PDB file of N, CA and C in Angstrom:
ATOM      1  N   MET A   1     167.553  32.723  99.416  1.00  0.00           N
ATOM      2  CA  MET A   1     166.255  32.742 100.062  1.00  0.00           C
ATOM      3  C   MET A   1     165.832  31.312 100.386  1.00  0.00           C
ATOM      4  N   THR A   2     165.381  31.085 101.603  1.00  0.00           N
ATOM      5  CA  THR A   2     164.942  29.769 102.027  1.00  0.00           C
ATOM      6  C   THR A   2     163.434  29.660 101.828  1.00  0.00           C
ATOM      7  N   LYS A   3     163.018  28.587 101.165  1.00  0.00           N
ATOM      8  CA  LYS A   3     161.599  28.372 100.916  1.00  0.00           C
ATOM      9  C   LYS A   3     160.957  27.769 102.157  1.00  0.00           C
ATOM     10  N   THR A   4     159.775  28.228 102.465  1.00  0.00           N
ATOM     11  CA  THR A   4     158.995  27.656 103.565  1.00  0.00           C
ATOM     12  C   THR A   4     158.050  26.614 102.984  1.00  0.00           C
ATOM     13  N   PHE A   5     158.088  25.427 103.542  1.00  0.00           N
ATOM     14  CA  PHE A   5     157.243  24.342 103.048  1.00  0.00           C
ATOM     15  C   PHE A   5     156.030  24.169 103.956  1.00  0.00           C
ATOM     16  N   THR A   6     154.917  23.810 103.350  1.00  0.00           N
ATOM     17  CA  THR A   6     153.672  23.608 104.079  1.00  0.00           C
ATOM     18  C   THR A   6     153.435  22.117 104.311  1.00  0.00           C
ATOM     19  N   GLN A   7     152.401  21.828 105.090  1.00  0.00           N
ATOM     20  CA  GLN A   7     152.011  20.443 105.302  1.00  0.00           C
ATOM     21  C   GLN A   7     151.630  19.795 103.965  1.00  0.00           C
ATOM     22  N   ASN A   8     150.995  20.549 103.090  1.00  0.00           N
ATOM     23  CA  ASN A   8     150.625  20.017 101.775  1.00  0.00           C
ATOM     24  C   ASN A   8     151.857  19.641 100.960  1.00  0.00           C
ATOM     25  N   ASP A   9     152.909  20.431 101.059  1.00  0.00           N
ATOM     26  CA  ASP A   9     154.161  20.101 100.370  1.00  0.00           C
ATOM     27  C   ASP A   9     154.724  18.781 100.890  1.00  0.00           C
ATOM     28  N   VAL A  10     154.661  18.608 102.207  1.00  0.00           N
ATOM     29  CA  VAL A  10     155.177  17.376 102.821  1.00  0.00           C
ATOM     30  C   VAL A  10     154.341  16.175 102.377  1.00  0.00           C
ATOM     31  N   ILE A  11     153.036  16.344 102.317  1.00  0.00           N
ATOM     32  CA  ILE A  11     152.166  15.252 101.855  1.00  0.00           C
ATOM     33  C   ILE A  11     152.515  14.878 100.424  1.00  0.00           C
ATOM     34  N   ARG A  12     152.690  15.881  99.571  1.00  0.00           N
ATOM     35  CA  ARG A  12     153.065  15.590  98.179  1.00  0.00           C
ATOM     36  C   ARG A  12     154.413  14.878  98.126  1.00  0.00           C
ATOM     37  N   TYR A  13     155.331  15.281  98.990  1.00  0.00           N
ATOM     38  CA  TYR A  13     156.649  14.639  99.056  1.00  0.00           C
ATOM     39  C   TYR A  13     156.516  13.176  99.463  1.00  0.00           C
ATOM     40  N   VAL A  14     155.731  12.908 100.499  1.00  0.00           N
ATOM     41  CA  VAL A  14     155.544  11.539 100.992  1.00  0.00           C
ATOM     42  C   VAL A  14     154.941  10.644  99.909  1.00  0.00           C
ATOM     43  N   TYR A  15     154.049  11.210  99.096  1.00  0.00           N
ATOM     44  CA  TYR A  15     153.404  10.440  98.031  1.00  0.00           C
ATOM     45  C   TYR A  15     154.133  10.559  96.688  1.00  0.00           C
ATOM     46  N   HIS A  16     155.363  11.053  96.716  1.00  0.00           N
ATOM     47  CA  HIS A  16     156.227  11.155  95.525  1.00  0.00           C
ATOM     48  C   HIS A  16     155.576  11.979  94.414  1.00  0.00           C
ATOM     49  N   GLU A  17     154.971  13.104  94.794  1.00  0.00           N
ATOM     50  CA  GLU A  17     154.315  13.975  93.828  1.00  0.00           C
ATOM     51  C   GLU A  17     155.048  15.303  93.663  1.00  0.00           C
ATOM     52  N   THR A  18     156.296  15.348  94.091  1.00  0.00           N
ATOM     53  CA  THR A  18     157.092  16.560  93.956  1.00  0.00           C
ATOM     54  C   THR A  18     158.103  16.382  92.829  1.00  0.00           C
ATOM     55  N   SER A  19     158.529  17.506  92.267  1.00  0.00           N
ATOM     56  CA  SER A  19     159.561  17.464  91.224  1.00  0.00           C
ATOM     57  C   SER A  19     160.891  17.076  91.866  1.00  0.00           C
ATOM     58  N   ALA A  20     161.855  16.723  91.044  1.00  0.00           N
ATOM     59  CA  ALA A  20     163.173  16.343  91.565  1.00  0.00           C
ATOM     60  C   ALA A  20     163.798  17.508  92.336  1.00  0.00           C
ATOM     61  N   LYS A  21     163.650  18.711  91.812  1.00  0.00           N
ATOM     62  CA  LYS A  21     164.201  19.899  92.480  1.00  0.00           C
ATOM     63  C   LYS A  21     163.503  20.131  93.821  1.00  0.00           C
ATOM     64  N   GLU A  22     162.198  20.049  93.821  1.00  0.00           N
ATOM     65  CA  GLU A  22     161.445  20.270  95.051  1.00  0.00           C
ATOM     66  C   GLU A  22     161.757  19.188  96.088  1.00  0.00           C
ATOM     67  N   THR A  23     161.922  17.953  95.635  1.00  0.00           N
ATOM     68  CA  THR A  23     162.280  16.851  96.533  1.00  0.00           C
ATOM     69  C   THR A  23     163.591  17.151  97.251  1.00  0.00           C
ATOM     70  N   LYS A  24     164.584  17.611  96.499  1.00  0.00           N
ATOM     71  CA  LYS A  24     165.883  17.943  97.104  1.00  0.00           C
ATOM     72  C   LYS A  24     165.748  19.082  98.106  1.00  0.00           C
ATOM     73  N   GLU A  25     164.938  20.086  97.762  1.00  0.00           N
ATOM     74  CA  GLU A  25     164.742  21.220  98.667  1.00  0.00           C
ATOM     75  C   GLU A  25     164.047  20.791  99.955  1.00  0.00           C
ATOM     76  N   ILE A  26     163.040  19.933  99.831  1.00  0.00           N
ATOM     77  CA  ILE A  26     162.326  19.451 101.016  1.00  0.00           C
ATOM     78  C   ILE A  26     163.253  18.608 101.886  1.00  0.00           C
ATOM     79  N   GLU A  27     164.026  17.733 101.264  1.00  0.00           N
ATOM     80  CA  GLU A  27     164.946  16.896 102.032  1.00  0.00           C
ATOM     81  C   GLU A  27     165.970  17.738 102.780  1.00  0.00           C
ATOM     82  N   LYS A  28     166.455  18.795 102.143  1.00  0.00           N
ATOM     83  CA  LYS A  28     167.396  19.705 102.797  1.00  0.00           C
ATOM     84  C   LYS A  28     166.703  20.411 103.960  1.00  0.00           C
ATOM     85  N   ALA A  29     165.472  20.859 103.749  1.00  0.00           N
ATOM     86  CA  ALA A  29     164.723  21.554 104.793  1.00  0.00           C
ATOM     87  C   ALA A  29     164.430  20.623 105.974  1.00  0.00           C
ATOM     88  N   LEU A  30     164.169  19.350 105.689  1.00  0.00           N
ATOM     89  CA  LEU A  30     163.886  18.389 106.762  1.00  0.00           C
ATOM     90  C   LEU A  30     165.078  18.241 107.710  1.00  0.00           C
ATOM     91  N   LEU A  31     166.281  18.407 107.190  1.00  0.00           N
ATOM     92  CA  LEU A  31     167.478  18.294 108.021  1.00  0.00           C
ATOM     93  C   LEU A  31     167.655  19.495 108.951  1.00  0.00           C
ATOM     94  N   CYS A  32     167.115  20.646 108.550  1.00  0.00           N
ATOM     95  CA  CYS A  32     167.351  21.891 109.286  1.00  0.00           C
ATOM     96  C   CYS A  32     166.153  22.368 110.101  1.00  0.00           C
ATOM     97  N   ASP A  33     164.961  21.864 109.804  1.00  0.00           N
ATOM     98  CA  ASP A  33     163.748  22.401 110.415  1.00  0.00           C
ATOM     99  C   ASP A  33     163.049  21.312 111.226  1.00  0.00           C
ATOM    100  N   ALA A  34     163.148  21.416 112.548  1.00  0.00           N
ATOM    101  CA  ALA A  34     162.570  20.401 113.436  1.00  0.00           C
ATOM    102  C   ALA A  34     161.048  20.344 113.317  1.00  0.00           C
ATOM    103  N   LYS A  35     160.410  21.497 113.127  1.00  0.00           N
ATOM    104  CA  LYS A  35     158.953  21.534 112.994  1.00  0.00           C
ATOM    105  C   LYS A  35     158.516  20.815 111.718  1.00  0.00           C
ATOM    106  N   LEU A  36     159.226  21.057 110.637  1.00  0.00           N
ATOM    107  CA  LEU A  36     158.918  20.392 109.366  1.00  0.00           C
ATOM    108  C   LEU A  36     159.154  18.882 109.491  1.00  0.00           C
ATOM    109  N   GLU A  37     160.205  18.502 110.192  1.00  0.00           N
ATOM    110  CA  GLU A  37     160.483  17.081 110.398  1.00  0.00           C
ATOM    111  C   GLU A  37     159.351  16.416 111.199  1.00  0.00           C
ATOM    112  N   GLU A  38     158.811  17.129 112.177  1.00  0.00           N
ATOM    113  CA  GLU A  38     157.700  16.597 112.968  1.00  0.00           C
ATOM    114  C   GLU A  38     156.462  16.402 112.095  1.00  0.00           C
ATOM    115  N   ILE A  39     156.198  17.378 111.229  1.00  0.00           N
ATOM    116  CA  ILE A  39     155.083  17.257 110.280  1.00  0.00           C
ATOM    117  C   ILE A  39     155.301  16.038 109.386  1.00  0.00           C
ATOM    118  N   TYR A  40     156.515  15.869 108.916  1.00  0.00           N
ATOM    119  CA  TYR A  40     156.871  14.723 108.060  1.00  0.00           C
ATOM    120  C   TYR A  40     156.597  13.398 108.776  1.00  0.00           C
ATOM    121  N   LYS A  41     157.010  13.304 110.020  1.00  0.00           N
ATOM    122  CA  LYS A  41     156.788  12.072 110.786  1.00  0.00           C
ATOM    123  C   LYS A  41     155.299  11.807 110.988  1.00  0.00           C
ATOM    124  N   GLU A  42     154.535  12.868 111.248  1.00  0.00           N
ATOM    125  CA  GLU A  42     153.086  12.722 111.420  1.00  0.00           C
ATOM    126  C   GLU A  42     152.428  12.245 110.124  1.00  0.00           C
ATOM    127  N   VAL A  43     152.857  12.805 109.005  1.00  0.00           N
ATOM    128  CA  VAL A  43     152.285  12.410 107.712  1.00  0.00           C
ATOM    129  C   VAL A  43     152.635  10.956 107.407  1.00  0.00           C
ATOM    130  N   LEU A  44     153.867  10.555 107.689  1.00  0.00           N
ATOM    131  CA  LEU A  44     154.252   9.153 107.487  1.00  0.00           C
ATOM    132  C   LEU A  44     153.398   8.220 108.345  1.00  0.00           C
ATOM    133  N   SER A  45     153.144   8.626 109.586  1.00  0.00           N
ATOM    134  CA  SER A  45     152.325   7.819 110.488  1.00  0.00           C
ATOM    135  C   SER A  45     150.892   7.705 109.960  1.00  0.00           C
ATOM    136  N   MET A  46     150.338   8.827 109.505  1.00  0.00           N
ATOM    137  CA  MET A  46     148.975   8.801 108.962  1.00  0.00           C
ATOM    138  C   MET A  46     148.906   7.928 107.709  1.00  0.00           C
ATOM    139  N   LYS A  47     149.940   8.003 106.874  1.00  0.00           N
ATOM    140  CA  LYS A  47     149.966   7.180 105.658  1.00  0.00           C
ATOM    141  C   LYS A  47     149.988   5.700 106.032  1.00  0.00           C
ATOM    142  N   ALA A  48     150.784   5.343 107.021  1.00  0.00           N
ATOM    143  CA  ALA A  48     150.852   3.949 107.476  1.00  0.00           C
ATOM    144  C   ALA A  48     149.499   3.497 108.017  1.00  0.00           C
ATOM    145  N   ASP A  49     148.833   4.367 108.782  1.00  0.00           N
ATOM    146  CA  ASP A  49     147.510   4.029 109.314  1.00  0.00           C
ATOM    147  C   ASP A  49     146.498   3.832 108.190  1.00  0.00           C
ATOM    148  N   LEU A  50     146.555   4.696 107.188  1.00  0.00           N
ATOM    149  CA  LEU A  50     145.639   4.563 106.050  1.00  0.00           C
ATOM    150  C   LEU A  50     145.877   3.254 105.300  1.00  0.00           C
ATOM    151  N   ASN A  51     147.143   2.874 105.179  1.00  0.00           N
ATOM    152  CA  ASN A  51     147.455   1.629 104.472  1.00  0.00           C
ATOM    153  C   ASN A  51     146.965   0.399 105.222  1.00  0.00           C
ATOM    154  N   LYS A  52     146.797   0.529 106.540  1.00  0.00           N
ATOM    155  CA  LYS A  52     146.304  -0.587 107.346  1.00  0.00           C
ATOM    156  C   LYS A  52     144.776  -0.661 107.357  1.00  0.00           C
ATOM    157  N   ALA A  53     144.134   0.396 106.889  1.00  0.00           N
ATOM    158  CA  ALA A  53     142.674   0.469 106.946  1.00  0.00           C
ATOM    159  C   ALA A  53     142.043  -0.683 106.179  1.00  0.00           C
ATOM    160  N   LYS A  54     140.907  -1.131 106.688  1.00  0.00           N
ATOM    161  CA  LYS A  54     140.187  -2.229 106.057  1.00  0.00           C
ATOM    162  C   LYS A  54     139.698  -1.792 104.679  1.00  0.00           C
ATOM    163  N   LYS A  55     139.974  -2.587 103.685  1.00  0.00           N
ATOM    164  CA  LYS A  55     139.632  -2.237 102.316  1.00  0.00           C
ATOM    165  C   LYS A  55     138.594  -3.179 101.724  1.00  0.00           C
ATOM    166  N   VAL A  56     137.936  -3.943 102.575  1.00  0.00           N
ATOM    167  CA  VAL A  56     136.937  -4.909 102.131  1.00  0.00           C
ATOM    168  C   VAL A  56     135.564  -4.417 102.574  1.00  0.00           C
ATOM    169  N   PRO A  57     134.587  -4.392 101.673  1.00  0.00           N
ATOM    170  CA  PRO A  57     133.262  -3.941 102.082  1.00  0.00           C
ATOM    171  C   PRO A  57     132.638  -4.918 103.076  1.00  0.00           C
ATOM    172  N   SER A  58     131.787  -4.395 103.912  1.00  0.00           N
ATOM    173  CA  SER A  58     131.114  -5.250 104.892  1.00  0.00           C
ATOM    174  C   SER A  58     130.106  -6.151 104.181  1.00  0.00           C
ATOM    175  N   ASP A  59     129.677  -7.207 104.877  1.00  0.00           N
ATOM    176  CA  ASP A  59     128.665  -8.113 104.324  1.00  0.00           C
ATOM    177  C   ASP A  59     127.373  -7.358 104.024  1.00  0.00           C
ATOM    178  N   LYS A  60     127.043  -6.397 104.863  1.00  0.00           N
ATOM    179  CA  LYS A  60     125.827  -5.607 104.657  1.00  0.00           C
ATOM    180  C   LYS A  60     125.889  -4.866 103.320  1.00  0.00           C
ATOM    181  N   VAL A  61     127.026  -4.275 103.018  1.00  0.00           N
ATOM    182  CA  VAL A  61     127.184  -3.540 101.751  1.00  0.00           C
ATOM    183  C   VAL A  61     127.104  -4.500 100.569  1.00  0.00           C
ATOM    184  N   ILE A  62     127.777  -5.628 100.668  1.00  0.00           N
ATOM    185  CA  ILE A  62     127.749  -6.618  99.583  1.00  0.00           C
ATOM    186  C   ILE A  62     126.322  -7.097  99.344  1.00  0.00           C
ATOM    187  N   ASN A  63     125.605  -7.403 100.425  1.00  0.00           N
ATOM    188  CA  ASN A  63     124.218  -7.866 100.283  1.00  0.00           C
ATOM    189  C   ASN A  63     123.320  -6.789  99.686  1.00  0.00           C
ATOM    190  N   SER A  64     123.543  -5.551 100.057  1.00  0.00           N
ATOM    191  CA  SER A  64     122.760  -4.454  99.486  1.00  0.00           C
ATOM    192  C   SER A  64     122.987  -4.350  97.981  1.00  0.00           C
ATOM    193  N   ILE A  65     124.200  -4.478  97.570  1.00  0.00           N
ATOM    194  CA  ILE A  65     124.521  -4.422  96.139  1.00  0.00           C
ATOM    195  C   ILE A  65     123.890  -5.596  95.403  1.00  0.00           C
ATOM    196  N   LEU A  66     124.014  -6.789  95.965  1.00  0.00           N
ATOM    197  CA  LEU A  66     123.433  -7.976  95.326  1.00  0.00           C
ATOM    198  C   LEU A  66     121.912  -7.867  95.246  1.00  0.00           C
ATOM    199  N   ASN A  67     121.278  -7.400  96.302  1.00  0.00           N
ATOM    200  CA  ASN A  67     119.820  -7.245  96.300  1.00  0.00           C
ATOM    201  C   ASN A  67     119.374  -6.209  95.268  1.00  0.00           C
ATOM    202  N   TYR A  68     120.121  -5.132  95.175  1.00  0.00           N
ATOM    203  CA  TYR A  68     119.804  -4.112  94.175  1.00  0.00           C
ATOM    204  C   TYR A  68     119.932  -4.699  92.770  1.00  0.00           C
ATOM    205  N   SER A  69     120.993  -5.432  92.556  1.00  0.00           N
ATOM    206  CA  SER A  69     121.222  -6.042  91.248  1.00  0.00           C
ATOM    207  C   SER A  69     120.085  -7.003  90.892  1.00  0.00           C
ATOM    208  N   LYS A  70     119.657  -7.795  91.852  1.00  0.00           N
ATOM    209  CA  LYS A  70     118.555  -8.738  91.620  1.00  0.00           C
ATOM    210  C   LYS A  70     117.249  -7.998  91.317  1.00  0.00           C
ATOM    211  N   SER A  71     117.072  -6.845  91.921  1.00  0.00           N
ATOM    212  CA  SER A  71     115.825  -6.091  91.729  1.00  0.00           C
ATOM    213  C   SER A  71     115.714  -5.481  90.333  1.00  0.00           C
ATOM    214  N   LEU A  72     116.802  -5.438  89.603  1.00  0.00           N
ATOM    215  CA  LEU A  72     116.776  -4.837  88.268  1.00  0.00           C
ATOM    216  C   LEU A  72     116.132  -5.760  87.234  1.00  0.00           C
ATOM    217  N   ASN A  73     116.040  -7.039  87.535  1.00  0.00           N
ATOM    218  CA  ASN A  73     115.441  -8.037  86.629  1.00  0.00           C
ATOM    219  C   ASN A  73     116.034  -7.977  85.220  1.00  0.00           C
ATOM    220  N   LEU A  74     117.331  -7.934  85.167  1.00  0.00           N
ATOM    221  CA  LEU A  74     118.007  -7.923  83.865  1.00  0.00           C
ATOM    222  C   LEU A  74     118.060  -9.320  83.287  1.00  0.00           C
ATOM    223  N   PRO A  75     118.052  -9.439  81.956  1.00  0.00           N
ATOM    224  CA  PRO A  75     118.125 -10.773  81.349  1.00  0.00           C
ATOM    225  C   PRO A  75     119.458 -11.452  81.649  1.00  0.00           C
ATOM    226  N   SER A  76     119.424 -12.731  81.783  1.00  0.00           N
ATOM    227  CA  SER A  76     120.616 -13.515  82.076  1.00  0.00           C
ATOM    228  C   SER A  76     121.448 -13.690  80.807  1.00  0.00           C
ATOM    229  N   ASN A  77     122.762 -13.880  80.947  1.00  0.00           N
ATOM    230  CA  ASN A  77     123.655 -14.119  79.801  1.00  0.00           C
ATOM    231  C   ASN A  77     123.699 -15.580  79.409  1.00  0.00           C
ATOM    232  N   LYS A  78     122.913 -16.407  80.021  1.00  0.00           N
ATOM    233  CA  LYS A  78     122.944 -17.850  79.746  1.00  0.00           C
ATOM    234  C   LYS A  78     122.173 -18.190  78.519  1.00  0.00           C
TER     235      LYS A  78
END
């Protein structure tokens, strides 16, 4: 019996969240199923895009946090 893999299975595979057995099954399926391979390529592309995403807060966010912190009037550690 051939297992049908979903997009969620492919995402777990891309993020190394599958068991060794499941990894082998997905890799075998990728060789035989063009639709699954296309899903795999799309997920890889999305992962690459996410990794390029800006991970630094904007100046506005930093200033909001600093202003909030100042408004708490907590005692200094000095």
